[in-house]
Each structure stands twice: as C-alpha cells, then as structure tokens.
Amino acid sequence: MLVDQVRARTTPQRDFRRAHIVLLVAGGCPAWRVAAIVRVDVSTVLRWRDRYAREGLAGLEDRPRSGRPPLYGPEVRLRIVTTATSTPPRPYDG
C-alpha cells in the first residue's frame, strides 16, 4: 500500500494522502474501503472527496487557520534570519 510509505504530517505527505484518497474514490472504491486503505476516518474521506468535487485541486489545499497574527512583518523576519545566518564579525585585537 502506498500510504504505508508516508506517515508524517508534513505538507508533501498531507498532499499525497489527500490525492490518494481522491484517486481511490475516483477509481470507484467505496469511502469505507478508502478509509481502511489510507487509515483515516470515513468522515475524512468524505471531506476530501466533497471538497475535490466542489473545488477541484484547490479544494485539496489547506484552509487558512485562525490564530494570532504574526508579531513581525516579512521585512523584520528577513533581517532576523539574515543576521542569524551571517558570519559573526571578527573580535577586535586592539
């Protein structure tokens, strides 16, 4: 089974799992069987099947999640990353 090779919940694995669900359903596999193959709940299969039917590939993408907005904007974050990954200055030999 393909899904045994993919267990992590990172973005590529989530995409793989969702596409696998949609392909199995499109191939005529019933939702309960897809759930058993992919090792998810039947409601998960139905969610991705329905979202794909309504929205196509865009329906398989993550929805925006609620939560606290970022504290710093992209410019500040870029400066922090640049500073943190740059070579430190040489100490003064004075």
Protein backbone atom coordinates (compact mmCIF):
# COMPACT_ATOMS: atom_id res chain seq x y z
CA MET A 1 0.00 0.00 0.00
CA LEU A 2 1.28 3.43 -0.90
CA VAL A 3 0.12 5.10 2.28
CA ASP A 4 2.38 2.91 4.46
CA GLN A 5 5.34 4.73 2.97
CA VAL A 6 4.01 8.09 4.12
CA ARG A 7 3.21 8.59 7.78
CA ALA A 8 4.42 12.10 8.67
CA ARG A 9 2.05 15.05 8.65
CA THR A 10 4.23 17.48 6.71
CA THR A 11 2.84 19.29 3.69
CA PRO A 12 4.07 16.85 0.98
CA GLN A 13 2.69 13.90 2.93
CA ARG A 14 -0.66 15.62 3.51
CA ASP A 15 -0.87 16.40 -0.20
CA PHE A 16 -0.04 12.79 -1.04
CA ARG A 17 -2.68 11.43 1.36
CA ARG A 18 -5.39 13.76 0.03
CA ALA A 19 -4.57 12.93 -3.58
CA HIS A 20 -4.51 9.22 -2.76
CA ILE A 21 -7.99 9.49 -1.23
CA VAL A 22 -9.36 11.32 -4.26
CA LEU A 23 -7.80 8.86 -6.71
CA LEU A 24 -9.15 5.83 -4.88
CA VAL A 25 -12.65 7.34 -4.75
CA ALA A 26 -12.44 8.28 -8.44
CA GLY A 27 -11.48 4.68 -9.18
CA GLY A 28 -14.76 3.52 -7.69
CA CYS A 29 -13.55 2.43 -4.27
CA PRO A 30 -16.22 3.00 -1.59
CA ALA A 31 -15.47 5.54 1.14
CA TRP A 32 -15.31 2.93 3.91
CA ARG A 33 -12.70 0.96 1.95
CA VAL A 34 -10.65 4.07 1.14
CA ALA A 35 -10.68 4.91 4.87
CA ALA A 36 -9.30 1.46 5.67
CA ILE A 37 -6.61 1.65 2.98
CA VAL A 38 -5.44 5.16 3.87
CA ARG A 39 -6.01 4.61 7.61
CA VAL A 40 -8.23 7.60 8.23
CA ASP A 41 -11.80 8.02 9.39
CA VAL A 42 -14.59 7.75 6.82
CA SER A 43 -15.51 11.38 7.54
CA THR A 44 -12.02 12.38 6.37
CA VAL A 45 -12.54 10.55 3.09
CA LEU A 46 -15.91 12.21 2.61
CA ARG A 47 -14.46 15.67 3.39
CA TRP A 48 -11.71 15.41 0.76
CA ARG A 49 -14.00 13.75 -1.78
CA ASP A 50 -16.57 16.53 -1.42
CA ARG A 51 -14.04 19.37 -1.40
CA TYR A 52 -12.41 17.99 -4.53
CA ALA A 53 -15.80 17.64 -6.22
CA ARG A 54 -16.68 21.26 -5.41
CA GLU A 55 -13.32 22.99 -5.90
CA GLY A 56 -11.02 20.70 -7.87
CA LEU A 57 -7.34 20.65 -6.93
CA ALA A 58 -7.69 23.92 -5.00
CA GLY A 59 -10.02 22.09 -2.61
CA LEU A 60 -7.17 19.83 -1.50
CA GLU A 61 -5.12 22.75 -0.18
CA ASP A 62 -5.09 23.71 3.49
CA ARG A 63 -7.56 26.36 4.55
CA PRO A 64 -6.30 29.41 6.42
CA ARG A 65 -6.26 28.72 10.12
CA SER A 66 -7.27 31.00 12.91
CA GLY A 67 -4.73 32.14 15.40
CA ARG A 68 -2.64 35.03 16.47
CA PRO A 69 -1.30 37.07 13.55
CA PRO A 70 2.48 37.27 13.13
CA LEU A 71 4.13 39.71 15.52
CA TYR A 72 6.68 40.89 12.95
CA GLY A 73 6.30 41.59 9.25
CA PRO A 74 8.27 39.91 6.47
CA GLU A 75 10.96 42.62 6.38
CA VAL A 76 11.80 42.24 10.07
CA ARG A 77 11.75 38.45 9.84
CA LEU A 78 14.11 38.59 6.85
CA ARG A 79 16.53 40.84 8.79
CA ILE A 80 16.46 38.45 11.76
CA VAL A 81 17.16 35.42 9.55
CA THR A 82 19.92 37.29 7.68
CA THR A 83 21.57 38.34 10.94
CA ALA A 84 21.26 34.89 12.49
CA THR A 85 22.77 33.13 9.48
CA SER A 86 25.56 35.59 8.68
CA THR A 87 29.18 35.21 9.71
CA PRO A 88 29.83 36.97 13.02
CA PRO A 89 32.28 39.88 13.00
CA ARG A 90 35.88 39.16 13.98
CA PRO A 91 36.79 40.19 17.51
CA TYR A 92 38.84 43.34 17.97
CA ASP A 93 42.52 42.56 18.55
CA GLY A 94 43.17 46.12 19.61
